């Protein structure tokens, strides 16, 4: 966790600046003993404890005290509304948040309202190729614009169905070496995906899922397109591509000054979207390895909010499938080497 925290915070002036962390839950990146930070989450701490007491997966006594709640009297507020006069901030941290927001264009615009000019957002983002999104179709700028057009406040039909019908059991190590798994690694059947979709559409429940899928390169390309369309008020200060055998990358966005004229914005955007160099596994590394698949117990889900909540019964089914898949992959690896 310390290394992750360093990578997220290294672009921020945490010694003197005021910051906001979105969704810290029980593993904040910016801690109050070392930084001047406030926390915003869906609920205040007791509301989060009540929620996770029923669904599990989070140590209740480690949930941090939350300063601002997005849901008040049953209504969801924008971040800028929730923090109110506490804004503006010098920096914002959001670890594994951006992929969940229903309307990513609107969310980025909302965060831009609470940042000072030249303020920073530091993001940790899952790389779709190396997590349970590995078999999902990529999302597009068109999808983002449709969500903005509809003013999505809950994950869309597309997002919910694709997430629950295509999520797979993976480890980053195996996907780095062998690419996405086959359909046998799919966690849920179509009946379960349909049930979750009905929960969203018929019951109008908020069904959490990965709405947006990124790689380092597609993130830069899509944000540049949004900037060209006048829908993105940032430049990309830096991007750290996904490390070998890892499943997340790190992005620093800098808020464009509000009173900058159009020629000035164009000049910033011309240099403000550096395309990252992707990491690759060397032939020497592969040759030196015993290509035995990793134990599937190594989670592709990072610290922070549970990104994929399941019941105890379902978890047992997943573990059984993991064990069967592990035996199959080991057999395949032995046959490949023979």
Protein backbone atom coordinates (compact mmCIF):
# COMPACT_ATOMS: atom_id res chain seq x y z
CA UNK A 1 0.00 0.00 0.00
CA UNK A 2 2.86 2.39 0.79
CA UNK A 3 4.24 2.13 -2.75
CA UNK A 4 0.78 2.74 -4.24
CA UNK A 5 0.29 5.71 -1.96
CA UNK A 6 3.62 7.17 -3.04
CA UNK A 7 2.76 6.81 -6.72
CA UNK A 8 -0.62 8.50 -6.28
CA UNK A 9 0.64 11.36 -4.09
CA UNK A 10 4.00 12.15 -5.66
CA UNK A 11 2.58 14.81 -8.03
CA UNK A 12 0.72 16.61 -5.25
CA UNK A 13 1.84 19.38 -2.92
CA UNK A 14 0.49 17.61 0.15
CA UNK A 15 2.71 19.50 2.60
CA UNK A 16 1.05 22.88 2.09
CA UNK A 17 -1.97 22.37 -0.18
CA UNK A 18 -5.54 21.46 0.84
CA UNK A 19 -6.91 18.28 -0.65
CA UNK A 20 -10.01 16.14 -1.05
CA UNK A 21 -10.08 12.37 -1.39
CA UNK A 22 -13.10 10.82 -3.08
CA UNK A 23 -14.21 7.44 -1.75
CA UNK A 24 -11.48 6.60 0.79
CA UNK A 25 -13.62 3.99 2.62
CA UNK A 26 -11.16 2.07 4.86
CA UNK A 27 -7.94 2.53 2.87
CA UNK A 28 -7.39 6.25 2.24
CA UNK A 29 -4.50 7.24 0.00
CA UNK A 30 -4.11 10.64 1.69
CA UNK A 31 -4.21 10.24 5.47
CA UNK A 32 -5.20 13.03 7.83
CA UNK A 33 -2.14 12.58 10.02
CA UNK A 34 0.17 13.44 7.13
CA UNK A 35 -1.86 15.66 4.79
CA UNK A 36 -4.43 18.45 4.99
CA UNK A 37 -7.23 16.41 3.45
CA UNK A 38 -11.00 16.09 3.71
CA UNK A 39 -13.01 13.03 2.66
CA UNK A 40 -16.17 12.69 0.58
CA UNK A 41 -18.03 9.42 0.10
CA UNK A 42 -21.49 8.15 -0.73
CA UNK A 43 -22.49 8.18 2.96
CA UNK A 44 -21.01 9.41 6.20
CA UNK A 45 -19.01 6.83 8.15
CA UNK A 46 -21.94 5.30 10.05
CA UNK A 47 -23.95 4.92 6.85
CA UNK A 48 -21.01 3.13 5.24
CA UNK A 49 -20.66 0.85 8.27
CA UNK A 50 -24.37 -0.01 8.13
CA UNK A 51 -24.07 -0.85 4.43
CA UNK A 52 -20.96 -2.99 4.70
CA UNK A 53 -22.20 -4.75 7.83
CA UNK A 54 -24.89 -6.36 5.67
CA UNK A 55 -22.81 -7.10 2.57
CA UNK A 56 -19.37 -7.71 4.12
CA UNK A 57 -15.95 -7.35 2.55
CA UNK A 58 -14.78 -4.31 4.55
CA UNK A 59 -13.40 -4.10 8.13
CA UNK A 60 -15.99 -1.82 9.72
CA UNK A 61 -13.71 -0.38 12.39
CA UNK A 62 -11.25 0.81 9.73
CA UNK A 63 -13.76 2.93 7.78
CA UNK A 64 -12.55 6.51 8.06
CA UNK A 65 -14.61 9.46 9.27
CA UNK A 66 -16.18 11.12 6.23
CA UNK A 67 -16.54 14.90 6.05
CA UNK A 68 -19.09 15.12 3.22
CA UNK A 69 -21.79 12.70 2.04
CA UNK A 70 -22.99 12.59 -1.54
CA UNK A 71 -26.38 11.20 -0.54
CA UNK A 72 -28.46 13.47 1.67
CA UNK A 73 -32.11 12.83 2.54
CA UNK A 74 -32.25 10.14 -0.13
CA UNK A 75 -30.99 12.40 -2.91
CA UNK A 76 -27.59 12.21 -4.60
CA UNK A 77 -25.68 15.47 -4.80
CA UNK A 78 -22.79 16.52 -6.98
CA UNK A 79 -19.41 16.65 -5.29
CA UNK A 80 -19.37 20.43 -5.65
CA UNK A 81 -22.72 20.62 -3.83
CA UNK A 82 -21.60 18.24 -1.08
CA UNK A 83 -18.38 20.09 -0.22
CA UNK A 84 -19.94 23.55 -0.55
CA UNK A 85 -17.86 26.35 0.92
CA UNK A 86 -14.97 23.98 1.74
CA UNK A 87 -13.89 24.37 -1.90
CA UNK A 88 -11.68 25.23 -3.65
CA UNK A 89 -9.02 22.55 -3.19
CA UNK A 90 -5.44 22.39 -4.43
CA UNK A 91 -5.65 18.69 -5.20
CA UNK A 92 -8.08 15.78 -5.41
CA UNK A 93 -7.33 12.07 -5.08
CA UNK A 94 -9.59 9.37 -6.56
CA UNK A 95 -8.36 5.78 -6.45
CA UNK A 96 -10.46 3.38 -8.55
CA UNK A 97 -13.35 5.80 -8.77
CA UNK A 98 -13.43 7.16 -12.32
CA UNK A 99 -14.34 3.79 -13.85
CA UNK A 100 -17.47 3.61 -11.66
CA UNK A 101 -19.06 7.02 -12.27
CA UNK A 102 -22.18 6.86 -14.48
CA UNK A 103 -21.37 10.08 -16.37
CA UNK A 104 -17.61 10.52 -16.62
CA UNK A 105 -17.79 13.81 -18.54
CA UNK A 106 -20.12 15.30 -15.95
CA UNK A 107 -18.03 13.91 -13.08
CA UNK A 108 -14.80 15.45 -14.38
CA UNK A 109 -16.59 18.77 -14.90
CA UNK A 110 -17.95 18.58 -11.34
CA UNK A 111 -14.47 17.98 -9.91
CA UNK A 112 -13.10 20.86 -11.99
CA UNK A 113 -15.52 23.19 -10.17
CA UNK A 114 -13.91 22.48 -6.78
CA UNK A 115 -10.29 22.72 -7.96
CA UNK A 116 -8.25 25.90 -8.01
CA UNK A 117 -6.80 26.93 -11.36
CA UNK A 118 -3.83 24.63 -12.07
CA UNK A 119 -5.10 22.26 -9.37
CA UNK A 120 -4.36 18.55 -9.66
CA UNK A 121 -6.42 15.36 -9.78
CA UNK A 122 -4.44 12.21 -9.06
CA UNK A 123 -6.12 9.04 -10.32
CA UNK A 124 -5.44 5.33 -9.92
CA UNK A 125 -7.23 3.54 -12.76
CA UNK A 126 -7.63 -0.20 -13.44
CA UNK A 127 -6.24 -1.38 -16.77
CA UNK A 128 -9.06 -3.32 -18.40
CA UNK A 129 -6.64 -5.85 -19.91
CA UNK A 130 -5.43 -7.15 -16.56
CA UNK A 131 -8.52 -7.26 -14.33
CA UNK A 132 -11.95 -8.88 -14.46
CA UNK A 133 -12.81 -6.60 -17.43
CA UNK A 134 -10.38 -8.52 -19.66
CA UNK A 135 -13.11 -9.96 -21.92
CA UNK A 136 -15.36 -6.91 -22.03
CA UNK A 137 -15.72 -4.76 -25.15
CA UNK A 138 -13.97 -1.39 -24.82
CA UNK A 139 -15.95 1.74 -24.04
CA UNK A 140 -15.84 4.73 -26.37
CA UNK A 141 -16.09 8.51 -26.38
CA UNK A 142 -19.50 8.01 -27.97
CA UNK A 143 -20.58 6.04 -24.90
CA UNK A 144 -19.35 8.90 -22.71
CA UNK A 145 -21.25 11.48 -24.75
CA UNK A 146 -24.43 9.40 -24.60
CA UNK A 147 -24.17 9.20 -20.81
CA UNK A 148 -23.71 13.00 -20.66
CA UNK A 149 -26.64 13.53 -23.05
CA UNK A 150 -28.91 11.41 -20.84
CA UNK A 151 -27.49 12.85 -17.62
CA UNK A 152 -26.92 9.34 -16.29
CA UNK A 153 -27.12 9.20 -12.50
CA UNK A 154 -26.92 5.38 -12.39
CA UNK A 155 -24.82 2.96 -14.45
CA UNK A 156 -26.42 2.44 -17.86
CA UNK A 157 -28.06 -0.71 -19.23
CA UNK A 158 -24.95 -1.25 -21.34
CA UNK A 159 -22.61 -0.94 -18.39
CA UNK A 160 -24.55 -3.20 -16.03
CA UNK A 161 -25.10 -5.95 -18.59
CA UNK A 162 -21.56 -5.91 -19.96
CA UNK A 163 -20.09 -5.93 -16.46
CA UNK A 164 -22.10 -8.83 -15.07
CA UNK A 165 -22.20 -10.91 -18.24
CA UNK A 166 -18.49 -10.59 -19.07
CA UNK A 167 -16.59 -10.37 -15.76
CA UNK A 168 -13.94 -13.08 -15.52
CA UNK A 169 -11.69 -14.66 -12.93
CA UNK A 170 -8.15 -13.54 -13.72
CA UNK A 171 -4.78 -12.72 -12.24
CA UNK A 172 -2.68 -9.88 -13.67
CA UNK A 173 0.28 -12.22 -14.07
CA UNK A 174 -1.62 -14.67 -16.28
CA UNK A 175 -3.19 -11.97 -18.44
CA UNK A 176 0.19 -10.29 -18.93
CA UNK A 177 1.54 -13.56 -20.34
CA UNK A 178 -1.43 -15.20 -22.02
CA UNK A 179 -3.90 -12.42 -22.76
CA UNK A 180 -7.54 -12.58 -21.71
CA UNK A 181 -8.90 -15.92 -20.53
CA UNK A 182 -11.47 -17.90 -22.47
CA UNK A 183 -15.22 -17.88 -21.83
CA UNK A 184 -14.79 -20.66 -19.27
CA UNK A 185 -13.43 -18.03 -16.86
CA UNK A 186 -16.72 -16.07 -16.89
CA UNK A 187 -17.97 -15.64 -13.33
CA UNK A 188 -21.71 -15.24 -13.89
CA UNK A 189 -24.24 -16.83 -16.21
CA UNK A 190 -26.70 -14.82 -18.28
CA UNK A 191 -29.49 -15.40 -15.78
CA UNK A 192 -27.48 -13.59 -13.11
CA UNK A 193 -26.61 -10.77 -15.51
CA UNK A 194 -30.29 -10.43 -16.37
CA UNK A 195 -31.22 -10.37 -12.69
CA UNK A 196 -28.78 -7.52 -12.05
CA UNK A 197 -30.08 -5.67 -15.09
CA UNK A 198 -33.67 -6.07 -13.86
CA UNK A 199 -32.59 -4.77 -10.47
CA UNK A 200 -31.29 -1.66 -12.21
CA UNK A 201 -34.08 -1.11 -14.74
CA UNK A 202 -37.21 -2.45 -13.04
CA UNK A 203 -36.40 -1.83 -9.38
CA UNK A 204 -34.45 1.34 -10.24
CA UNK A 205 -31.73 0.29 -7.81
CA UNK A 206 -28.21 1.64 -8.08
CA UNK A 207 -26.21 -1.34 -9.39
CA UNK A 208 -22.51 -0.60 -9.01
CA UNK A 209 -20.17 -1.75 -11.77
CA UNK A 210 -17.30 -0.70 -13.99
CA UNK A 211 -18.94 1.75 -16.39
CA UNK A 212 -15.74 2.84 -18.18
CA UNK A 213 -12.84 0.70 -19.35
CA UNK A 214 -9.39 2.16 -20.00
CA UNK A 215 -5.82 1.35 -20.89
CA UNK A 216 -3.13 4.04 -20.50
CA UNK A 217 -3.18 4.76 -24.23
CA UNK A 218 -6.96 4.80 -24.66
CA UNK A 219 -7.30 7.04 -21.60
CA UNK A 220 -5.03 9.66 -23.15
CA UNK A 221 -6.66 9.37 -26.57
CA UNK A 222 -10.20 9.64 -25.24
CA UNK A 223 -9.44 12.57 -22.93
CA UNK A 224 -7.76 14.37 -25.84
CA UNK A 225 -10.88 13.85 -27.93
CA UNK A 226 -13.05 15.25 -25.14
CA UNK A 227 -10.73 18.27 -24.89
CA UNK A 228 -11.03 18.87 -28.64
CA UNK A 229 -14.82 18.77 -28.20
CA UNK A 230 -14.69 21.33 -25.40
CA UNK A 231 -15.74 18.74 -22.80
CA UNK A 232 -12.53 18.41 -20.77
CA UNK A 233 -10.93 21.20 -18.71
CA UNK A 234 -7.62 19.48 -17.95
CA UNK A 235 -4.31 18.52 -19.44
CA UNK A 236 -2.51 15.29 -18.59
CA UNK A 237 0.42 16.27 -16.42
CA UNK A 238 1.79 12.74 -16.26
CA UNK A 239 0.77 9.13 -16.77
CA UNK A 240 2.50 6.10 -15.31
CA UNK A 241 1.68 3.05 -17.44
CA UNK A 242 0.68 -0.28 -15.95
CA UNK A 243 3.67 -2.11 -14.49
CA UNK A 244 4.36 -5.68 -15.57
CA UNK A 245 2.23 -8.09 -13.51
CA UNK A 246 0.14 -5.21 -12.14
CA UNK A 247 -3.40 -4.15 -13.06
CA UNK A 248 -3.57 -0.38 -12.61
CA UNK A 249 -2.02 2.79 -13.97
CA UNK A 250 -1.69 6.28 -12.52
CA UNK A 251 -2.73 9.60 -14.04
CA UNK A 252 -2.19 13.21 -12.97
CA UNK A 253 -4.59 15.77 -14.48
CA UNK A 254 -4.03 19.54 -14.20
CA UNK A 255 -6.99 21.90 -14.24
CA UNK A 256 -6.89 24.47 -17.06
CA UNK A 257 -7.14 28.07 -15.73
CA UNK A 258 -10.71 29.32 -15.96
CA UNK A 259 -9.99 32.65 -17.63
CA UNK A 260 -7.58 31.27 -20.24
CA UNK A 261 -8.60 32.38 -23.73
CA UNK A 262 -9.20 29.94 -26.58
CA UNK A 263 -5.75 30.33 -28.19
CA UNK A 264 -4.20 29.68 -24.79
CA UNK A 265 -6.32 26.56 -24.30
CA UNK A 266 -5.36 25.26 -27.73
CA UNK A 267 -1.69 25.83 -26.94
CA UNK A 268 -2.01 23.88 -23.68
CA UNK A 269 -3.88 21.05 -25.36
CA UNK A 270 -1.31 20.81 -28.15
CA UNK A 271 1.31 19.64 -25.63
CA UNK A 272 -0.94 18.41 -22.87
CA UNK A 273 -1.66 14.81 -23.84
CA UNK A 274 1.59 12.81 -23.93
CA UNK A 275 1.08 9.25 -25.12
CA UNK A 276 2.62 6.80 -22.68
CA UNK A 277 5.06 4.07 -23.57
CA UNK A 278 3.52 0.78 -22.55
CA UNK A 279 5.52 -1.68 -20.48
CA UNK A 280 6.20 -5.09 -22.01
CA UNK A 281 7.58 -8.37 -20.75
CA UNK A 282 11.01 -9.05 -22.21
CA UNK A 283 11.79 -12.31 -23.97
CA UNK A 284 14.59 -12.82 -21.44
CA UNK A 285 12.16 -12.56 -18.55
CA UNK A 286 9.77 -15.03 -20.13
CA UNK A 287 12.57 -17.46 -20.89
CA UNK A 288 13.79 -17.31 -17.31
CA UNK A 289 10.40 -18.00 -15.81
CA UNK A 290 8.77 -21.25 -15.01
CA UNK A 291 5.53 -20.47 -16.82
CA UNK A 292 3.28 -21.95 -14.18
CA UNK A 293 0.00 -19.98 -13.88
CA UNK A 294 -0.38 -17.90 -10.74
CA UNK A 295 -2.72 -19.03 -7.99
CA UNK A 296 -6.06 -17.45 -8.81
CA UNK A 297 -6.47 -16.45 -5.20
CA UNK A 298 -4.32 -13.39 -6.02
CA UNK A 299 -7.00 -10.79 -6.46
CA UNK A 300 -7.24 -8.47 -9.46
CA UNK A 301 -9.26 -6.10 -7.28
CA UNK A 302 -7.20 -3.24 -5.75
CA UNK A 303 -7.43 -1.74 -2.32
CA UNK A 304 -10.36 0.57 -1.70
CA UNK A 305 -14.05 0.06 -2.44
CA UNK A 306 -15.09 -3.50 -3.24
CA UNK A 307 -15.48 -3.36 -6.99
CA UNK A 308 -17.29 -6.66 -7.27
CA UNK A 309 -19.46 -7.59 -4.31
CA UNK A 310 -20.78 -11.15 -4.14
CA UNK A 311 -22.76 -13.21 -1.67
CA UNK A 312 -21.12 -15.89 0.45
CA UNK A 313 -22.80 -18.61 -1.61
CA UNK A 314 -21.67 -17.01 -4.85
CA UNK A 315 -18.16 -16.57 -3.47
CA UNK A 316 -17.97 -20.31 -2.79
CA UNK A 317 -19.07 -21.00 -6.37
CA UNK A 318 -16.41 -18.61 -7.66
CA UNK A 319 -13.73 -20.28 -5.55
CA UNK A 320 -14.75 -23.67 -6.92
CA UNK A 321 -14.52 -22.37 -10.45
CA UNK A 322 -11.14 -20.80 -9.68
CA UNK A 323 -9.79 -24.14 -8.48
CA UNK A 324 -11.04 -25.92 -11.60
CA UNK A 325 -9.62 -23.22 -13.86
CA UNK A 326 -6.28 -23.37 -12.09
CA UNK A 327 -6.04 -27.13 -12.68
CA UNK A 328 -6.97 -26.62 -16.33
CA UNK A 329 -4.40 -23.85 -16.84
CA UNK A 330 -1.66 -25.85 -15.16
CA UNK A 331 -2.41 -28.80 -17.44
CA UNK A 332 -2.38 -26.49 -20.48
CA UNK A 333 0.95 -24.99 -19.42
CA UNK A 334 2.51 -28.45 -18.99
CA UNK A 335 1.25 -29.54 -22.41
CA UNK A 336 2.62 -26.34 -23.96
CA UNK A 337 6.08 -27.01 -22.55
CA UNK A 338 6.13 -30.70 -23.49
